[in-house]
């Protein structure tokens, strides 16, 4: 797995946009007491279900892989000149 610049900020942005997407799809707002790990999994599963990202094989699926997949997704969604991609 290749290291990406600004991983923490990109993950935060991915969760922000992913949770807004989930709300628009009718999943409601996730409470603030839900852990980041669970939010990552919810956003990942929704994006896989909607065919926005390709799924990770079940035997290789772990928290770090899910986070990396979301970071790659958001880095492709942001404009090339976005401050987090520099």
PDB file of N, CA and C in Angstrom:
ATOM      1  N   UNK A   1       0.852  -1.165   0.000  1.00  0.00           N
ATOM      2  CA  UNK A   1       0.000   0.000   0.000  1.00  0.00           C
ATOM      3  C   UNK A   1       0.902   1.233   0.000  1.00  0.00           C
ATOM      4  N   UNK A   2       0.698   2.087  -0.971  1.00  0.00           N
ATOM      5  CA  UNK A   2       1.516   3.277  -1.135  1.00  0.00           C
ATOM      6  C   UNK A   2       1.056   4.384  -0.196  1.00  0.00           C
ATOM      7  N   UNK A   3       2.014   5.045   0.424  1.00  0.00           N
ATOM      8  CA  UNK A   3       1.733   6.158   1.331  1.00  0.00           C
ATOM      9  C   UNK A   3       1.279   7.365   0.512  1.00  0.00           C
ATOM     10  N   UNK A   4       0.242   8.054   0.996  1.00  0.00           N
ATOM     11  CA  UNK A   4      -0.319   9.225   0.325  1.00  0.00           C
ATOM     12  C   UNK A   4      -0.085  10.434   1.219  1.00  0.00           C
ATOM     13  N   UNK A   5       0.277  11.565   0.596  1.00  0.00           N
ATOM     14  CA  UNK A   5       0.449  12.800   1.365  1.00  0.00           C
ATOM     15  C   UNK A   5      -0.887  13.223   1.961  1.00  0.00           C
ATOM     16  N   UNK A   6      -0.845  13.809   3.129  1.00  0.00           N
ATOM     17  CA  UNK A   6      -2.023  14.351   3.815  1.00  0.00           C
ATOM     18  C   UNK A   6      -3.104  13.291   4.061  1.00  0.00           C
ATOM     19  N   UNK A   7      -2.693  12.082   4.428  1.00  0.00           N
ATOM     20  CA  UNK A   7      -3.662  10.992   4.619  1.00  0.00           C
ATOM     21  C   UNK A   7      -4.752  11.335   5.623  1.00  0.00           C
ATOM     22  N   UNK A   8      -4.363  11.871   6.758  1.00  0.00           N
ATOM     23  CA  UNK A   8      -5.342  12.155   7.812  1.00  0.00           C
ATOM     24  C   UNK A   8      -6.379  13.164   7.341  1.00  0.00           C
ATOM     25  N   UNK A   9      -5.926  14.219   6.671  1.00  0.00           N
ATOM     26  CA  UNK A   9      -6.851  15.238   6.182  1.00  0.00           C
ATOM     27  C   UNK A   9      -7.720  14.703   5.046  1.00  0.00           C
ATOM     28  N   UNK A  10      -7.136  13.873   4.178  1.00  0.00           N
ATOM     29  CA  UNK A  10      -7.920  13.282   3.089  1.00  0.00           C
ATOM     30  C   UNK A  10      -8.980  12.327   3.631  1.00  0.00           C
ATOM     31  N   UNK A  11      -8.626  11.557   4.660  1.00  0.00           N
ATOM     32  CA  UNK A  11      -9.606  10.655   5.266  1.00  0.00           C
ATOM     33  C   UNK A  11     -10.739  11.454   5.897  1.00  0.00           C
ATOM     34  N   UNK A  12     -10.388  12.532   6.578  1.00  0.00           N
ATOM     35  CA  UNK A  12     -11.408  13.385   7.185  1.00  0.00           C
ATOM     36  C   UNK A  12     -12.351  13.937   6.113  1.00  0.00           C
ATOM     37  N   UNK A  13     -11.788  14.394   4.994  1.00  0.00           N
ATOM     38  CA  UNK A  13     -12.580  14.931   3.887  1.00  0.00           C
ATOM     39  C   UNK A  13     -13.445  13.821   3.267  1.00  0.00           C
ATOM     40  N   UNK A  14     -12.886  12.625   3.118  1.00  0.00           N
ATOM     41  CA  UNK A  14     -13.631  11.500   2.552  1.00  0.00           C
ATOM     42  C   UNK A  14     -14.826  11.150   3.432  1.00  0.00           C
ATOM     43  N   UNK A  15     -14.633  11.152   4.745  1.00  0.00           N
ATOM     44  CA  UNK A  15     -15.737  10.855   5.659  1.00  0.00           C
ATOM     45  C   UNK A  15     -16.790  11.953   5.608  1.00  0.00           C
ATOM     46  N   UNK A  16     -16.346  13.190   5.558  1.00  0.00           N
ATOM     47  CA  UNK A  16     -17.276  14.320   5.479  1.00  0.00           C
ATOM     48  C   UNK A  16     -18.164  14.208   4.229  1.00  0.00           C
ATOM     49  N   UNK A  17     -17.549  14.003   3.091  1.00  0.00           N
ATOM     50  CA  UNK A  17     -18.299  13.908   1.836  1.00  0.00           C
ATOM     51  C   UNK A  17     -19.095  12.602   1.781  1.00  0.00           C
ATOM     52  N   UNK A  18     -18.491  11.522   2.255  1.00  0.00           N
ATOM     53  CA  UNK A  18     -19.174  10.234   2.252  1.00  0.00           C
ATOM     54  C   UNK A  18     -20.413  10.212   3.130  1.00  0.00           C
ATOM     55  N   UNK A  19     -20.339  10.862   4.279  1.00  0.00           N
ATOM     56  CA  UNK A  19     -21.494  10.900   5.179  1.00  0.00           C
ATOM     57  C   UNK A  19     -22.599  11.799   4.613  1.00  0.00           C
ATOM     58  N   UNK A  20     -22.217  12.873   3.939  1.00  0.00           N
ATOM     59  CA  UNK A  20     -23.218  13.707   3.267  1.00  0.00           C
ATOM     60  C   UNK A  20     -23.903  12.910   2.161  1.00  0.00           C
ATOM     61  N   UNK A  21     -23.115  12.131   1.435  1.00  0.00           N
ATOM     62  CA  UNK A  21     -23.661  11.275   0.378  1.00  0.00           C
ATOM     63  C   UNK A  21     -24.641  10.263   0.972  1.00  0.00           C
ATOM     64  N   UNK A  22     -24.285   9.680   2.107  1.00  0.00           N
ATOM     65  CA  UNK A  22     -25.163   8.711   2.773  1.00  0.00           C
ATOM     66  C   UNK A  22     -26.482   9.366   3.181  1.00  0.00           C
ATOM     67  N   UNK A  23     -26.406  10.592   3.698  1.00  0.00           N
ATOM     68  CA  UNK A  23     -27.624  11.321   4.070  1.00  0.00           C
ATOM     69  C   UNK A  23     -28.514  11.561   2.854  1.00  0.00           C
ATOM     70  N   UNK A  24     -27.904  11.964   1.740  1.00  0.00           N
ATOM     71  CA  UNK A  24     -28.661  12.206   0.516  1.00  0.00           C
ATOM     72  C   UNK A  24     -29.307  10.931  -0.010  1.00  0.00           C
ATOM     73  N   UNK A  25     -28.682   9.794   0.262  1.00  0.00           N
ATOM     74  CA  UNK A  25     -29.228   8.511  -0.177  1.00  0.00           C
ATOM     75  C   UNK A  25     -30.307   8.009   0.771  1.00  0.00           C
ATOM     76  N   UNK A  26     -30.568   8.747   1.864  1.00  0.00           N
ATOM     77  CA  UNK A  26     -31.651   8.394   2.761  1.00  0.00           C
ATOM     78  C   UNK A  26     -31.250   7.586   3.975  1.00  0.00           C
ATOM     79  N   UNK A  27     -29.963   7.509   4.275  1.00  0.00           N
ATOM     80  CA  UNK A  27     -29.512   6.739   5.425  1.00  0.00           C
ATOM     81  C   UNK A  27     -29.585   7.514   6.733  1.00  0.00           C
ATOM     82  N   UNK A  28     -29.935   8.762   6.661  1.00  0.00           N
ATOM     83  CA  UNK A  28     -30.027   9.563   7.870  1.00  0.00           C
ATOM     84  C   UNK A  28     -28.662  10.008   8.336  1.00  0.00           C
ATOM     85  N   UNK A  29     -28.656  10.808   9.383  1.00  0.00           N
ATOM     86  CA  UNK A  29     -27.404  11.344   9.904  1.00  0.00           C
ATOM     87  C   UNK A  29     -26.852  10.395  10.956  1.00  0.00           C
ATOM     88  N   UNK A  30     -25.550  10.110  10.865  1.00  0.00           N
ATOM     89  CA  UNK A  30     -24.919   9.263  11.873  1.00  0.00           C
ATOM     90  C   UNK A  30     -24.607  10.106  13.097  1.00  0.00           C
ATOM     91  N   UNK A  31     -24.901   9.563  14.247  1.00  0.00           N
ATOM     92  CA  UNK A  31     -24.660  10.278  15.502  1.00  0.00           C
ATOM     93  C   UNK A  31     -23.167  10.519  15.713  1.00  0.00           C
ATOM     94  N   UNK A  32     -22.868  11.538  16.482  1.00  0.00           N
ATOM     95  CA  UNK A  32     -21.477  11.891  16.744  1.00  0.00           C
ATOM     96  C   UNK A  32     -20.776  10.877  17.646  1.00  0.00           C
ATOM     97  N   UNK A  33     -21.527  10.049  18.345  1.00  0.00           N
ATOM     98  CA  UNK A  33     -20.905   9.077  19.241  1.00  0.00           C
ATOM     99  C   UNK A  33     -20.439   7.812  18.515  1.00  0.00           C
ATOM    100  N   UNK A  34     -20.709   7.702  17.230  1.00  0.00           N
ATOM    101  CA  UNK A  34     -20.254   6.549  16.452  1.00  0.00           C
ATOM    102  C   UNK A  34     -18.761   6.721  16.160  1.00  0.00           C
ATOM    103  N   UNK A  35     -18.007   5.662  16.321  1.00  0.00           N
ATOM    104  CA  UNK A  35     -16.558   5.741  16.159  1.00  0.00           C
ATOM    105  C   UNK A  35     -16.168   5.983  14.705  1.00  0.00           C
ATOM    106  N   UNK A  36     -14.959   6.496  14.527  1.00  0.00           N
ATOM    107  CA  UNK A  36     -14.461   6.752  13.176  1.00  0.00           C
ATOM    108  C   UNK A  36     -14.342   5.441  12.405  1.00  0.00           C
ATOM    109  N   UNK A  37     -13.954   4.378  13.087  1.00  0.00           N
ATOM    110  CA  UNK A  37     -13.831   3.061  12.462  1.00  0.00           C
ATOM    111  C   UNK A  37     -15.165   2.635  11.839  1.00  0.00           C
ATOM    112  N   UNK A  38     -16.249   2.829  12.577  1.00  0.00           N
ATOM    113  CA  UNK A  38     -17.565   2.453  12.074  1.00  0.00           C
ATOM    114  C   UNK A  38     -18.002   3.367  10.931  1.00  0.00           C
ATOM    115  N   UNK A  39     -17.677   4.652  11.021  1.00  0.00           N
ATOM    116  CA  UNK A  39     -18.020   5.578   9.938  1.00  0.00           C
ATOM    117  C   UNK A  39     -17.290   5.205   8.654  1.00  0.00           C
ATOM    118  N   UNK A  40     -16.014   4.828   8.786  1.00  0.00           N
ATOM    119  CA  UNK A  40     -15.233   4.405   7.624  1.00  0.00           C
ATOM    120  C   UNK A  40     -15.894   3.201   6.970  1.00  0.00           C
ATOM    121  N   UNK A  41     -16.311   2.243   7.780  1.00  0.00           N
ATOM    122  CA  UNK A  41     -16.931   1.039   7.230  1.00  0.00           C
ATOM    123  C   UNK A  41     -18.274   1.341   6.559  1.00  0.00           C
ATOM    124  N   UNK A  42     -19.075   2.213   7.169  1.00  0.00           N
ATOM    125  CA  UNK A  42     -20.377   2.577   6.597  1.00  0.00           C
ATOM    126  C   UNK A  42     -20.192   3.242   5.237  1.00  0.00           C
ATOM    127  N   UNK A  43     -19.288   4.209   5.168  1.00  0.00           N
ATOM    128  CA  UNK A  43     -19.058   4.923   3.907  1.00  0.00           C
ATOM    129  C   UNK A  43     -18.492   3.965   2.862  1.00  0.00           C
ATOM    130  N   UNK A  44     -17.538   3.131   3.251  1.00  0.00           N
ATOM    131  CA  UNK A  44     -16.953   2.155   2.327  1.00  0.00           C
ATOM    132  C   UNK A  44     -18.034   1.231   1.758  1.00  0.00           C
ATOM    133  N   UNK A  45     -18.858   0.653   2.634  1.00  0.00           N
ATOM    134  CA  UNK A  45     -19.887  -0.289   2.176  1.00  0.00           C
ATOM    135  C   UNK A  45     -20.904   0.389   1.253  1.00  0.00           C
ATOM    136  N   UNK A  46     -21.272   1.623   1.556  1.00  0.00           N
ATOM    137  CA  UNK A  46     -22.209   2.358   0.709  1.00  0.00           C
ATOM    138  C   UNK A  46     -21.606   2.611  -0.671  1.00  0.00           C
ATOM    139  N   UNK A  47     -20.349   3.033  -0.701  1.00  0.00           N
ATOM    140  CA  UNK A  47     -19.700   3.299  -1.989  1.00  0.00           C
ATOM    141  C   UNK A  47     -19.528   2.022  -2.813  1.00  0.00           C
ATOM    142  N   UNK A  48     -19.259   0.913  -2.160  1.00  0.00           N
ATOM    143  CA  UNK A  48     -19.164  -0.367  -2.874  1.00  0.00           C
ATOM    144  C   UNK A  48     -20.540  -0.757  -3.409  1.00  0.00           C
ATOM    145  N   UNK A  49     -21.567  -0.610  -2.575  1.00  0.00           N
ATOM    146  CA  UNK A  49     -22.930  -0.956  -2.984  1.00  0.00           C
ATOM    147  C   UNK A  49     -23.363  -0.134  -4.195  1.00  0.00           C
ATOM    148  N   UNK A  50     -23.002   1.142  -4.214  1.00  0.00           N
ATOM    149  CA  UNK A  50     -23.377   2.028  -5.321  1.00  0.00           C
ATOM    150  C   UNK A  50     -22.380   1.983  -6.471  1.00  0.00           C
ATOM    151  N   UNK A  51     -21.426   1.061  -6.390  1.00  0.00           N
ATOM    152  CA  UNK A  51     -20.426   0.854  -7.425  1.00  0.00           C
ATOM    153  C   UNK A  51     -19.583   2.108  -7.705  1.00  0.00           C
ATOM    154  N   UNK A  52     -19.326   2.873  -6.658  1.00  0.00           N
ATOM    155  CA  UNK A  52     -18.451   4.043  -6.763  1.00  0.00           C
ATOM    156  C   UNK A  52     -16.979   3.643  -6.609  1.00  0.00           C
ATOM    157  N   UNK A  53     -16.742   2.540  -5.882  1.00  0.00           N
ATOM    158  CA  UNK A  53     -15.400   1.995  -5.717  1.00  0.00           C
ATOM    159  C   UNK A  53     -15.479   0.478  -5.844  1.00  0.00           C
ATOM    160  N   UNK A  54     -14.354  -0.130  -6.194  1.00  0.00           N
ATOM    161  CA  UNK A  54     -14.318  -1.585  -6.282  1.00  0.00           C
ATOM    162  C   UNK A  54     -14.051  -2.162  -4.894  1.00  0.00           C
ATOM    163  N   UNK A  55     -14.686  -3.270  -4.580  1.00  0.00           N
ATOM    164  CA  UNK A  55     -14.513  -3.843  -3.234  1.00  0.00           C
ATOM    165  C   UNK A  55     -13.142  -4.488  -3.053  1.00  0.00           C
ATOM    166  N   UNK A  56     -12.709  -4.500  -1.826  1.00  0.00           N
ATOM    167  CA  UNK A  56     -11.487  -5.198  -1.427  1.00  0.00           C
ATOM    168  C   UNK A  56     -11.879  -6.653  -1.191  1.00  0.00           C
ATOM    169  N   UNK A  57     -11.060  -7.629  -1.598  1.00  0.00           N
ATOM    170  CA  UNK A  57     -11.388  -9.026  -1.298  1.00  0.00           C
ATOM    171  C   UNK A  57     -11.623  -9.226   0.201  1.00  0.00           C
ATOM    172  N   UNK A  58     -12.615 -10.014   0.542  1.00  0.00           N
ATOM    173  CA  UNK A  58     -13.037 -10.188   1.933  1.00  0.00           C
ATOM    174  C   UNK A  58     -11.895 -10.647   2.848  1.00  0.00           C
ATOM    175  N   UNK A  59     -11.000 -11.474   2.346  1.00  0.00           N
ATOM    176  CA  UNK A  59      -9.908 -11.967   3.188  1.00  0.00           C
ATOM    177  C   UNK A  59      -8.819 -10.918   3.442  1.00  0.00           C
ATOM    178  N   UNK A  60      -8.826  -9.832   2.680  1.00  0.00           N
ATOM    179  CA  UNK A  60      -7.822  -8.769   2.858  1.00  0.00           C
ATOM    180  C   UNK A  60      -8.427  -7.501   3.447  1.00  0.00           C
ATOM    181  N   UNK A  61      -9.676  -7.575   3.815  1.00  0.00           N
ATOM    182  CA  UNK A  61     -10.398  -6.403   4.312  1.00  0.00           C
ATOM    183  C   UNK A  61     -10.065  -6.151   5.775  1.00  0.00           C
ATOM    184  N   UNK A  62      -9.482  -4.998   6.050  1.00  0.00           N
ATOM    185  CA  UNK A  62      -9.250  -4.564   7.426  1.00  0.00           C
ATOM    186  C   UNK A  62      -9.384  -3.053   7.481  1.00  0.00           C
ATOM    187  N   UNK A  63      -9.335  -2.503   8.666  1.00  0.00           N
ATOM    188  CA  UNK A  63      -9.551  -1.069   8.847  1.00  0.00           C
ATOM    189  C   UNK A  63      -8.604  -0.208   8.043  1.00  0.00           C
ATOM    190  N   UNK A  64      -7.335  -0.595   7.996  1.00  0.00           N
ATOM    191  CA  UNK A  64      -6.342   0.191   7.269  1.00  0.00           C
ATOM    192  C   UNK A  64      -6.624   0.165   5.767  1.00  0.00           C
ATOM    193  N   UNK A  65      -7.012  -0.987   5.244  1.00  0.00           N
ATOM    194  CA  UNK A  65      -7.336  -1.099   3.818  1.00  0.00           C
ATOM    195  C   UNK A  65      -8.561  -0.262   3.460  1.00  0.00           C
ATOM    196  N   UNK A  66      -9.578  -0.277   4.330  1.00  0.00           N
ATOM    197  CA  UNK A  66     -10.787   0.514   4.084  1.00  0.00           C
ATOM    198  C   UNK A  66     -10.456   1.997   4.058  1.00  0.00           C
ATOM    199  N   UNK A  67      -9.646   2.440   5.008  1.00  0.00           N
ATOM    200  CA  UNK A  67      -9.244   3.843   5.045  1.00  0.00           C
ATOM    201  C   UNK A  67      -8.484   4.220   3.779  1.00  0.00           C
ATOM    202  N   UNK A  68      -7.555   3.363   3.379  1.00  0.00           N
ATOM    203  CA  UNK A  68      -6.765   3.636   2.180  1.00  0.00           C
ATOM    204  C   UNK A  68      -7.661   3.732   0.943  1.00  0.00           C
ATOM    205  N   UNK A  69      -8.644   2.865   0.865  1.00  0.00           N
ATOM    206  CA  UNK A  69      -9.572   2.874  -0.279  1.00  0.00           C
ATOM    207  C   UNK A  69     -10.347   4.187  -0.318  1.00  0.00           C
ATOM    208  N   UNK A  70     -10.791   4.679   0.841  1.00  0.00           N
ATOM    209  CA  UNK A  70     -11.504   5.955   0.899  1.00  0.00           C
ATOM    210  C   UNK A  70     -10.581   7.116   0.542  1.00  0.00           C
ATOM    211  N   UNK A  71      -9.334   7.056   0.969  1.00  0.00           N
ATOM    212  CA  UNK A  71      -8.377   8.113   0.651  1.00  0.00           C
ATOM    213  C   UNK A  71      -8.139   8.166  -0.858  1.00  0.00           C
ATOM    214  N   UNK A  72      -7.986   7.022  -1.478  1.00  0.00           N
ATOM    215  CA  UNK A  72      -7.806   6.976  -2.937  1.00  0.00           C
ATOM    216  C   UNK A  72      -9.053   7.512  -3.625  1.00  0.00           C
ATOM    217  N   UNK A  73     -10.229   7.116  -3.155  1.00  0.00           N
ATOM    218  CA  UNK A  73     -11.494   7.584  -3.745  1.00  0.00           C
ATOM    219  C   UNK A  73     -11.597   9.099  -3.698  1.00  0.00           C
ATOM    220  N   UNK A  74     -11.342   9.684  -2.536  1.00  0.00           N
ATOM    221  CA  UNK A  74     -11.504  11.133  -2.404  1.00  0.00           C
ATOM    222  C   UNK A  74     -10.422  11.867  -3.189  1.00  0.00           C
ATOM    223  N   UNK A  75      -9.223  11.309  -3.265  1.00  0.00           N
ATOM    224  CA  UNK A  75      -8.166  11.987  -4.024  1.00  0.00           C
ATOM    225  C   UNK A  75      -8.497  12.028  -5.511  1.00  0.00           C
ATOM    226  N   UNK A  76      -9.284  11.089  -5.978  1.00  0.00           N
ATOM    227  CA  UNK A  76      -9.721  11.102  -7.384  1.00  0.00           C
ATOM    228  C   UNK A  76     -10.935  12.005  -7.596  1.00  0.00           C
ATOM    229  N   UNK A  77     -11.699  12.239  -6.540  1.00  0.00           N
ATOM    230  CA  UNK A  77     -12.895  13.073  -6.636  1.00  0.00           C
ATOM    231  C   UNK A  77     -12.578  14.566  -6.546  1.00  0.00           C
ATOM    232  N   UNK A  78     -11.516  14.904  -5.846  1.00  0.00           N
ATOM    233  CA  UNK A  78     -11.158  16.309  -5.660  1.00  0.00           C
ATOM    234  C   UNK A  78     -10.515  16.865  -6.934  1.00  0.00           C
ATOM    235  N   UNK A  79     -10.668  18.162  -7.180  1.00  0.00           N
ATOM    236  CA  UNK A  79     -10.009  18.767  -8.336  1.00  0.00           C
ATOM    237  C   UNK A  79      -8.487  18.662  -8.201  1.00  0.00           C
ATOM    238  N   UNK A  80      -7.802  18.600  -9.301  1.00  0.00           N
ATOM    239  CA  UNK A  80      -6.343  18.400  -9.302  1.00  0.00           C
ATOM    240  C   UNK A  80      -5.595  19.489  -8.545  1.00  0.00           C
ATOM    241  N   UNK A  81      -6.148  20.693  -8.494  1.00  0.00           N
ATOM    242  CA  UNK A  81      -5.463  21.791  -7.819  1.00  0.00           C
ATOM    243  C   UNK A  81      -5.903  21.976  -6.362  1.00  0.00           C
ATOM    244  N   UNK A  82      -6.612  21.005  -5.799  1.00  0.00           N
ATOM    245  CA  UNK A  82      -7.056  21.103  -4.410  1.00  0.00           C
ATOM    246  C   UNK A  82      -5.851  21.112  -3.471  1.00  0.00           C
ATOM    247  N   UNK A  83      -5.928  21.876  -2.399  1.00  0.00           N
ATOM    248  CA  UNK A  83      -4.814  22.053  -1.467  1.00  0.00           C
ATOM    249  C   UNK A  83      -4.355  20.749  -0.821  1.00  0.00           C
ATOM    250  N   UNK A  84      -5.243  19.780  -0.607  1.00  0.00           N
ATOM    251  CA  UNK A  84      -4.858  18.515   0.025  1.00  0.00           C
ATOM    252  C   UNK A  84      -4.068  17.611  -0.910  1.00  0.00           C
ATOM    253  N   UNK A  85      -4.125  17.866  -2.196  1.00  0.00           N
ATOM    254  CA  UNK A  85      -3.426  17.026  -3.156  1.00  0.00           C
ATOM    255  C   UNK A  85      -2.035  17.543  -3.515  1.00  0.00           C
ATOM    256  N   UNK A  86      -1.672  18.677  -2.949  1.00  0.00           N
ATOM    257  CA  UNK A  86      -0.352  19.271  -3.258  1.00  0.00           C
ATOM    258  C   UNK A  86       0.706  18.737  -2.337  1.00  0.00           C
TER     259      UNK A  86
END
